Protein backbone atom coordinates (compact mmCIF):
# COMPACT_ATOMS: atom_id res chain seq x y z
CA MET A 1 38.22 -2.12 -38.02
CA ASN A 2 34.70 -3.51 -38.36
CA THR A 3 33.56 -4.60 -34.91
CA LEU A 4 31.51 -7.39 -36.49
CA SER A 5 34.57 -9.06 -37.99
CA PRO A 6 34.97 -11.62 -35.15
CA TYR A 7 31.35 -12.71 -35.72
CA LEU A 8 31.01 -12.50 -39.51
CA SER A 9 34.32 -14.09 -40.51
CA ASP A 10 34.56 -17.33 -42.42
CA THR A 11 35.96 -19.04 -39.38
CA GLY A 12 34.96 -18.08 -35.88
CA THR A 13 36.38 -18.72 -32.49
CA THR A 14 34.72 -20.58 -29.69
CA GLY A 15 33.80 -19.19 -26.32
CA ASP A 16 37.24 -20.35 -25.15
CA ALA A 17 39.05 -18.27 -27.75
CA ALA A 18 40.60 -16.16 -25.04
CA THR A 19 42.35 -19.26 -23.70
CA GLY A 20 43.69 -20.34 -27.07
CA ALA A 21 41.14 -23.03 -27.94
CA ALA A 22 40.95 -24.24 -31.51
CA ALA A 23 38.75 -22.36 -33.95
CA THR A 24 35.46 -23.83 -35.16
CA PRO A 25 33.67 -23.13 -38.40
CA SER A 26 30.95 -20.51 -38.38
CA ASN A 27 27.36 -21.32 -39.29
CA ALA A 28 25.65 -20.73 -42.61
CA ASP A 29 24.96 -17.10 -41.70
CA GLY A 30 28.64 -16.42 -41.34
CA VAL A 31 28.21 -15.88 -37.57
CA ASP A 32 29.98 -17.85 -34.90
CA PRO A 33 27.22 -18.23 -32.27
CA THR A 34 29.60 -19.43 -29.59
CA TYR A 35 31.51 -16.16 -29.50
CA ARG A 36 30.04 -13.81 -26.90
CA PRO A 37 31.16 -10.20 -27.36
CA THR A 38 32.70 -8.46 -24.40
CA ARG A 39 31.03 -5.42 -22.84
CA ARG A 40 33.60 -3.16 -24.47
CA GLU A 41 32.87 -4.68 -27.86
CA MET A 42 29.13 -4.27 -27.31
CA ARG A 43 29.58 -0.59 -26.45
CA ALA A 44 31.77 -0.15 -29.53
CA MET A 45 29.12 -1.62 -31.82
CA GLY A 46 26.96 0.73 -33.78
CA LYS A 47 23.19 0.43 -33.81
CA TYR A 48 23.07 -1.28 -37.19
CA GLU A 49 25.92 -3.66 -36.36
CA ALA A 50 24.19 -4.78 -33.18
CA ARG A 51 20.94 -5.22 -35.08
CA GLU A 52 22.66 -7.28 -37.76
CA LEU A 53 24.28 -9.52 -35.19
CA SER A 54 20.97 -9.93 -33.29
CA ASP A 55 19.16 -10.98 -36.45
CA ALA A 56 21.82 -13.56 -37.25
CA LEU A 57 21.79 -14.95 -33.70
CA PHE A 58 18.00 -15.15 -33.68
CA ARG A 59 18.08 -17.18 -36.89
CA ARG A 60 20.69 -19.45 -35.37
CA MET A 61 18.74 -19.87 -32.11
CA ALA A 62 15.59 -20.81 -34.04
CA GLN A 63 17.47 -23.79 -35.48
CA LEU A 64 18.62 -25.11 -32.10
CA PRO A 65 16.62 -27.32 -29.71
CA ARG A 66 15.94 -25.67 -26.35
CA GLU A 67 17.73 -28.42 -24.45
CA ASP A 68 20.95 -27.79 -26.37
CA ALA A 69 23.64 -25.99 -24.34
CA LEU A 70 24.41 -23.83 -27.35
CA TYR A 71 20.80 -22.57 -27.31
CA GLY A 72 21.28 -21.12 -23.82
CA TYR A 73 24.59 -19.58 -24.84
CA VAL A 74 23.10 -17.84 -27.87
CA ARG A 75 20.09 -16.74 -25.82
CA GLY A 76 22.32 -15.21 -23.15
CA THR A 77 24.33 -13.37 -25.79
CA LEU A 78 21.13 -11.90 -27.28
CA ILE A 79 19.98 -10.69 -23.86
CA GLU A 80 23.29 -8.99 -23.11
CA LEU A 81 23.49 -7.54 -26.60
CA ASN A 82 20.06 -5.87 -26.28
CA MET A 83 20.39 -4.54 -22.73
CA PRO A 84 20.66 -0.96 -24.08
CA LEU A 85 16.99 -1.33 -25.08
CA VAL A 86 16.09 -1.85 -21.41
CA ARG A 87 18.02 1.25 -20.35
CA PHE A 88 16.39 3.23 -23.15
CA VAL A 89 12.87 2.23 -22.08
CA ALA A 90 13.60 2.61 -18.34
CA ALA A 91 14.77 6.19 -18.95
CA ARG A 92 11.19 7.08 -19.87
CA PHE A 93 10.13 6.31 -16.30
CA ARG A 94 12.95 8.06 -14.43
CA HIS A 95 10.45 10.56 -13.01
CA ARG A 96 8.79 7.77 -11.02
CA PRO A 97 9.56 7.48 -7.30
CA GLU A 98 10.64 3.85 -7.70
CA GLU A 99 14.37 3.14 -7.76
CA LEU A 100 15.85 3.04 -11.26
CA ASP A 101 17.61 -0.24 -10.43
CA ASP A 102 14.24 -1.85 -9.72
CA ILE A 103 12.86 -0.57 -13.02
CA LEU A 104 15.92 -1.93 -14.86
CA GLN A 105 15.46 -5.34 -13.26
CA VAL A 106 11.83 -5.49 -14.27
CA GLY A 107 12.73 -4.27 -17.76
CA THR A 108 15.30 -7.05 -18.03
CA VAL A 109 12.55 -9.57 -17.30
CA GLY A 110 10.58 -8.02 -20.15
CA LEU A 111 13.62 -8.30 -22.44
CA ILE A 112 13.99 -12.00 -21.59
CA LYS A 113 10.34 -12.54 -22.45
CA ALA A 114 10.86 -10.66 -25.71
CA VAL A 115 13.88 -12.79 -26.65
CA ASP A 116 11.95 -15.97 -25.88
CA GLY A 117 8.85 -14.88 -27.76
CA PHE A 118 10.37 -13.28 -30.84
CA ASP A 119 9.88 -15.08 -34.16
CA PRO A 120 12.37 -13.91 -36.84
CA GLU A 121 10.25 -15.53 -39.56
CA ARG A 122 7.56 -12.86 -39.19
CA GLY A 123 9.80 -10.27 -40.84
CA VAL A 124 9.50 -7.79 -37.94
CA GLU A 125 12.48 -6.03 -36.40
CA PHE A 126 13.30 -7.26 -32.90
CA VAL A 127 13.37 -3.68 -31.62
CA THR A 128 9.78 -3.19 -32.79
CA TYR A 129 8.73 -6.24 -30.78
CA ALA A 130 10.96 -5.77 -27.74
CA ILE A 131 10.23 -2.15 -26.79
CA PRO A 132 6.46 -2.64 -26.21
CA THR A 133 7.20 -5.90 -24.35
CA VAL A 134 9.73 -4.26 -22.01
CA SER A 135 7.53 -1.19 -21.53
CA GLY A 136 4.50 -3.35 -20.75
CA GLU A 137 6.41 -5.32 -18.15
CA ILE A 138 7.50 -2.11 -16.41
CA LYS A 139 3.95 -0.74 -16.47
CA ARG A 140 2.64 -3.96 -14.94
CA PHE A 141 5.23 -3.55 -12.21
CA PHE A 142 3.93 -0.05 -11.47
CA ARG A 143 0.34 -1.26 -11.54
CA ASP A 144 0.92 -4.17 -9.19
CA THR A 145 3.37 -2.67 -6.69
CA SER A 146 3.25 1.12 -6.72
CA TRP A 147 -0.26 1.46 -5.25
CA PRO A 148 -0.24 1.31 -1.42
CA LEU A 149 -3.64 -0.41 -1.52
CA ARG A 150 -4.63 -3.22 -3.84
CA VAL A 151 -7.04 -1.78 -6.40
CA PRO A 152 -8.75 -3.78 -9.19
CA ARG A 153 -7.25 -3.22 -12.61
CA SER A 154 -10.54 -1.88 -13.99
CA VAL A 155 -10.61 0.83 -11.31
CA GLN A 156 -6.99 1.76 -12.07
CA GLU A 157 -7.82 2.07 -15.75
CA HIS A 158 -10.82 4.27 -14.93
CA TYR A 159 -8.55 6.49 -12.83
CA LEU A 160 -5.96 6.88 -15.61
CA ALA A 161 -8.66 7.58 -18.20
CA ALA A 162 -10.41 10.05 -15.88
CA ALA A 163 -7.16 11.90 -15.16
CA ARG A 164 -6.38 12.32 -18.86
CA ALA A 165 -9.94 13.29 -19.74
CA SER A 166 -10.12 15.78 -16.88
CA ASP A 167 -6.97 17.58 -18.07
CA ARG A 168 -8.29 17.65 -21.64
CA LEU A 169 -11.72 18.98 -20.67
CA GLU A 170 -10.19 21.59 -18.36
CA GLN A 171 -8.25 22.96 -21.32
CA GLU A 172 -11.34 22.98 -23.54
CA LEU A 173 -13.82 24.38 -21.00
CA GLY A 174 -11.51 26.70 -19.10
CA ARG A 175 -12.68 25.20 -15.80
CA LEU A 176 -12.73 21.91 -13.97
CA PRO A 177 -15.25 19.56 -15.61
CA GLU A 178 -18.34 18.41 -13.78
CA LEU A 179 -18.67 14.73 -12.93
CA SER A 180 -21.47 14.33 -15.48
CA GLU A 181 -19.30 15.91 -18.22
CA LEU A 182 -16.40 13.65 -17.33
CA ALA A 183 -18.60 10.55 -17.37
CA GLU A 184 -20.02 11.53 -20.77
CA GLU A 185 -16.54 12.05 -22.18
CA LEU A 186 -15.42 8.61 -20.98
CA HIS A 187 -18.69 6.87 -21.90
CA LEU A 188 -19.00 5.68 -18.30
CA SER A 189 -21.65 6.03 -15.65
CA GLU A 190 -21.18 8.79 -13.10
CA ALA A 191 -20.58 6.16 -10.42
CA GLU A 192 -17.73 4.58 -12.42
CA ALA A 193 -16.17 7.99 -13.14
CA ALA A 194 -16.39 8.95 -9.46
CA GLU A 195 -14.85 5.61 -8.49
CA GLY A 196 -11.94 6.27 -10.82
CA LEU A 197 -11.35 9.74 -9.38
CA ASP A 198 -11.52 8.42 -5.82
CA ALA A 199 -9.00 5.71 -6.67
CA GLY A 200 -6.46 8.42 -7.50
CA ARG A 201 -6.20 9.22 -3.82
CA LEU A 202 -4.80 5.75 -3.20
CA CYS A 203 -1.77 6.30 -5.43
CA ARG A 204 0.08 8.11 -2.69
CA CYS A 205 -0.41 7.68 1.04
CA ASP A 206 1.44 9.72 3.62
CA SER A 207 3.01 7.90 6.54
CA LEU A 208 1.61 8.64 9.99
CA ASP A 209 5.22 9.11 11.10
CA ALA A 210 6.06 11.60 8.33
CA LEU A 211 7.27 14.92 9.70
CA ARG A 212 5.48 18.10 8.72
CA ASP A 213 7.73 20.58 6.92
CA ASP A 214 5.37 23.26 5.57
CA GLY A 215 6.71 26.06 7.75
CA SER A 216 3.72 26.05 10.12
CA GLU A 217 3.83 26.00 13.90
CA ASP A 218 3.53 22.20 13.79
CA ALA A 219 6.60 21.81 11.54
CA GLY A 220 8.74 18.90 12.60
CA SER A 221 5.90 17.02 14.28
CA ALA A 222 4.57 13.69 13.05
CA LEU A 223 1.03 13.35 11.76
CA VAL A 224 0.23 10.69 14.33
CA ASP A 225 1.00 13.24 17.07
CA ARG A 226 -1.46 15.76 15.58
CA LEU A 227 -4.44 13.46 15.16
CA GLY A 228 -7.32 14.06 17.51
CA ASP A 229 -8.86 11.42 19.73
CA CYS A 230 -12.33 10.79 21.08
CA ASP A 231 -12.94 12.07 24.59
CA PRO A 232 -13.74 8.94 26.61
CA ALA A 233 -16.15 10.95 28.77
CA LEU A 234 -18.00 12.55 25.86
CA GLU A 235 -20.54 9.74 25.51
CA LEU A 236 -21.36 10.12 29.19
CA ALA A 237 -21.92 13.88 29.05
CA GLU A 238 -25.70 13.62 28.76
CA LEU A 239 -25.86 10.97 31.47
CA ARG A 240 -23.66 13.10 33.69
CA VAL A 241 -26.00 16.08 33.40
CA THR A 242 -29.01 13.86 34.01
CA ALA A 243 -27.58 12.06 37.04
CA LYS A 244 -25.95 15.00 38.81
CA PRO A 245 -29.13 16.38 40.49
CA PHE A 246 -30.15 12.90 41.63
CA ILE A 247 -26.73 12.23 43.16
CA SER A 248 -26.75 15.59 44.92
CA ARG A 249 -30.12 14.74 46.56
CA LEU A 250 -28.93 11.41 47.96
CA PRO A 251 -28.68 11.05 51.77
CA GLU A 252 -25.25 11.92 53.11
CA ARG A 253 -24.26 8.32 53.94
CA GLU A 254 -25.26 6.96 50.52
CA ARG A 255 -23.54 9.86 48.73
CA THR A 256 -20.39 9.35 50.81
CA VAL A 257 -20.27 5.63 50.00
CA LEU A 258 -20.83 6.37 46.31
CA LEU A 259 -18.09 9.00 46.20
CA LEU A 260 -15.59 6.83 48.10
CA ARG A 261 -16.30 3.83 45.88
CA TYR A 262 -16.27 5.40 42.41
CA TRP A 263 -14.43 8.72 42.80
CA GLY A 264 -12.09 7.70 45.63
CA GLY A 265 -11.35 4.27 44.16
CA LEU A 266 -11.71 2.48 47.49
CA THR A 267 -12.82 -1.13 47.79
CA GLN A 268 -15.89 -2.06 49.76
CA SER A 269 -13.73 -3.29 52.68
CA GLU A 270 -11.84 0.02 52.78
CA ILE A 271 -15.13 1.96 52.70
CA ALA A 272 -16.48 -0.21 55.53
CA ALA A 273 -13.45 0.66 57.68
CA GLU A 274 -13.81 4.34 56.76
CA ILE A 275 -17.47 4.66 57.86
CA ASP A 276 -17.27 1.94 60.55
CA VAL A 277 -19.75 -0.58 59.13
CA SER A 278 -19.42 -4.09 57.73
CA GLN A 279 -18.40 -4.78 54.14
CA MET A 280 -21.71 -6.54 53.53
CA HIS A 281 -23.55 -3.42 54.68
CA VAL A 282 -21.53 -1.31 52.23
CA SER A 283 -22.47 -3.74 49.45
CA ARG A 284 -26.15 -3.37 50.29
CA ILE A 285 -25.88 0.43 50.38
CA LEU A 286 -24.23 0.51 46.95
CA ALA A 287 -26.73 -1.91 45.43
CA ALA A 288 -29.72 -0.01 46.77
CA THR A 289 -28.28 3.38 45.80
CA LEU A 290 -27.48 2.34 42.25
CA ALA A 291 -30.87 0.69 41.82
CA ASP A 292 -32.57 3.87 43.03
CA LEU A 293 -30.50 6.03 40.68
CA ARG A 294 -31.30 3.77 37.75
CA GLU A 295 -35.02 3.97 38.45
CA ARG A 296 -34.94 7.73 38.74
CA ILE A 297 -32.83 8.22 35.58
CA GLU A 298 -34.82 5.80 33.47
CA GLY A 299 -38.09 7.13 34.85
CA ARG A 300 -39.43 3.73 35.79
CA ALA A 301 -39.20 1.18 38.58
CA GLY A 302 -36.80 -1.67 37.91
CA PRO A 303 -37.39 -5.33 38.77
CA GLU A 304 -37.19 -6.23 42.40
CA GLY A 305 -33.65 -6.83 43.55
CA GLU A 306 -32.07 -5.31 40.40
CA GLY A 307 -28.53 -4.05 40.92
CA GLU A 308 -27.51 -6.31 43.81
CA ARG A 309 -23.90 -7.26 43.45
CA GLY A 310 -23.31 -9.31 46.59
CA GLY A 311 -19.89 -9.10 48.20
CA GLU A 312 -17.96 -7.73 45.20
CA GLU A 313 -14.46 -6.66 46.17
CA GLY A 314 -13.17 -5.32 42.77
CA ARG A 315 -12.23 -1.71 42.25
CA GLY A 316 -14.51 -1.15 39.25
CA SER A 317 -17.51 -2.59 37.49
CA GLY A 318 -18.74 -2.69 33.91
CA GLY A 319 -22.17 -2.19 32.40
CA SER A 320 -24.06 0.97 31.61
CA GLY A 321 -26.30 3.48 33.35
CA PRO A 322 -25.29 4.72 36.82
CA GLU A 323 -22.54 2.10 37.18
CA ALA A 324 -20.84 3.31 34.01
CA LEU A 325 -21.31 6.90 35.09
CA CYS A 326 -19.76 6.32 38.49
CA GLU A 327 -16.84 4.42 37.01
CA ARG A 328 -15.97 6.71 34.11
CA ILE A 329 -16.93 10.36 34.66
CA GLU A 330 -14.37 12.61 36.27
CA GLY A 331 -14.96 15.05 39.05
CA ARG A 332 -17.30 14.93 41.98
CA ALA A 333 -21.08 15.31 42.18
CA GLU A 334 -22.15 18.61 43.54
């Protein structure tokens, strides 16, 4: 039995045919536009039958105003009838890491745009118009969402062109092409070609939490656990070497106060109780000692009274020079 017979008969059935509604005449094309084929009927249709039905429905839809309910019904039937086109185009991109369901959804959006934009009066097959539209929609999806970082479209195009040209030149030259050769092949400046190649590194980014599985000793560990860090005392290494001989030549009381304050972590009140003096006296000792160290390290005499900190009771102090050294370096002065 011809599967088009329900649609190409002299009298067609309405969308309520399954419930026994009265039949309505078909249109001038011999197609009843209110009859939506079931999924089984769509699968049973051959390629040419589906194409014939699509052409007839497109002609019918072109005659209907958009606000007409029948227009939406015919439009929906056309979309369902041509869904195999979406699956056909999406299969070309099955090697992509994106989920196939996502690609199918985006392709369906492209099919809807193709149905809305197709003009049967141009004499072009719908398939010829729909496939590039669906494919373009999927490619836009990849361009806009598959890059971890947002890259301008021009840079993405330079990357794609550079990748293709690099493969072609490698085959011709028997080696990797130089940047100048690649730029000449693409008719771009070397800076633009280099920018395109650099953009290729942004296509795929590894997660810092991704586990290493290359069979090395670090297998199973996350990248974030293998990244190095700056030694907080590294920037003070030169100052440490410079200050050490000056600290070692301090009088015993001043050196003791300095060590208790910055290496022992004691407050000025605790130091005062330790060496049996007043807290104010400890403050003066620290201020004078630090000012003397600063003058010696910097090789000049500081302004009068520089370094006095009054009755500070905190456990640490900011700044640079000897104060930073005493707060941050580890170990004791020899």
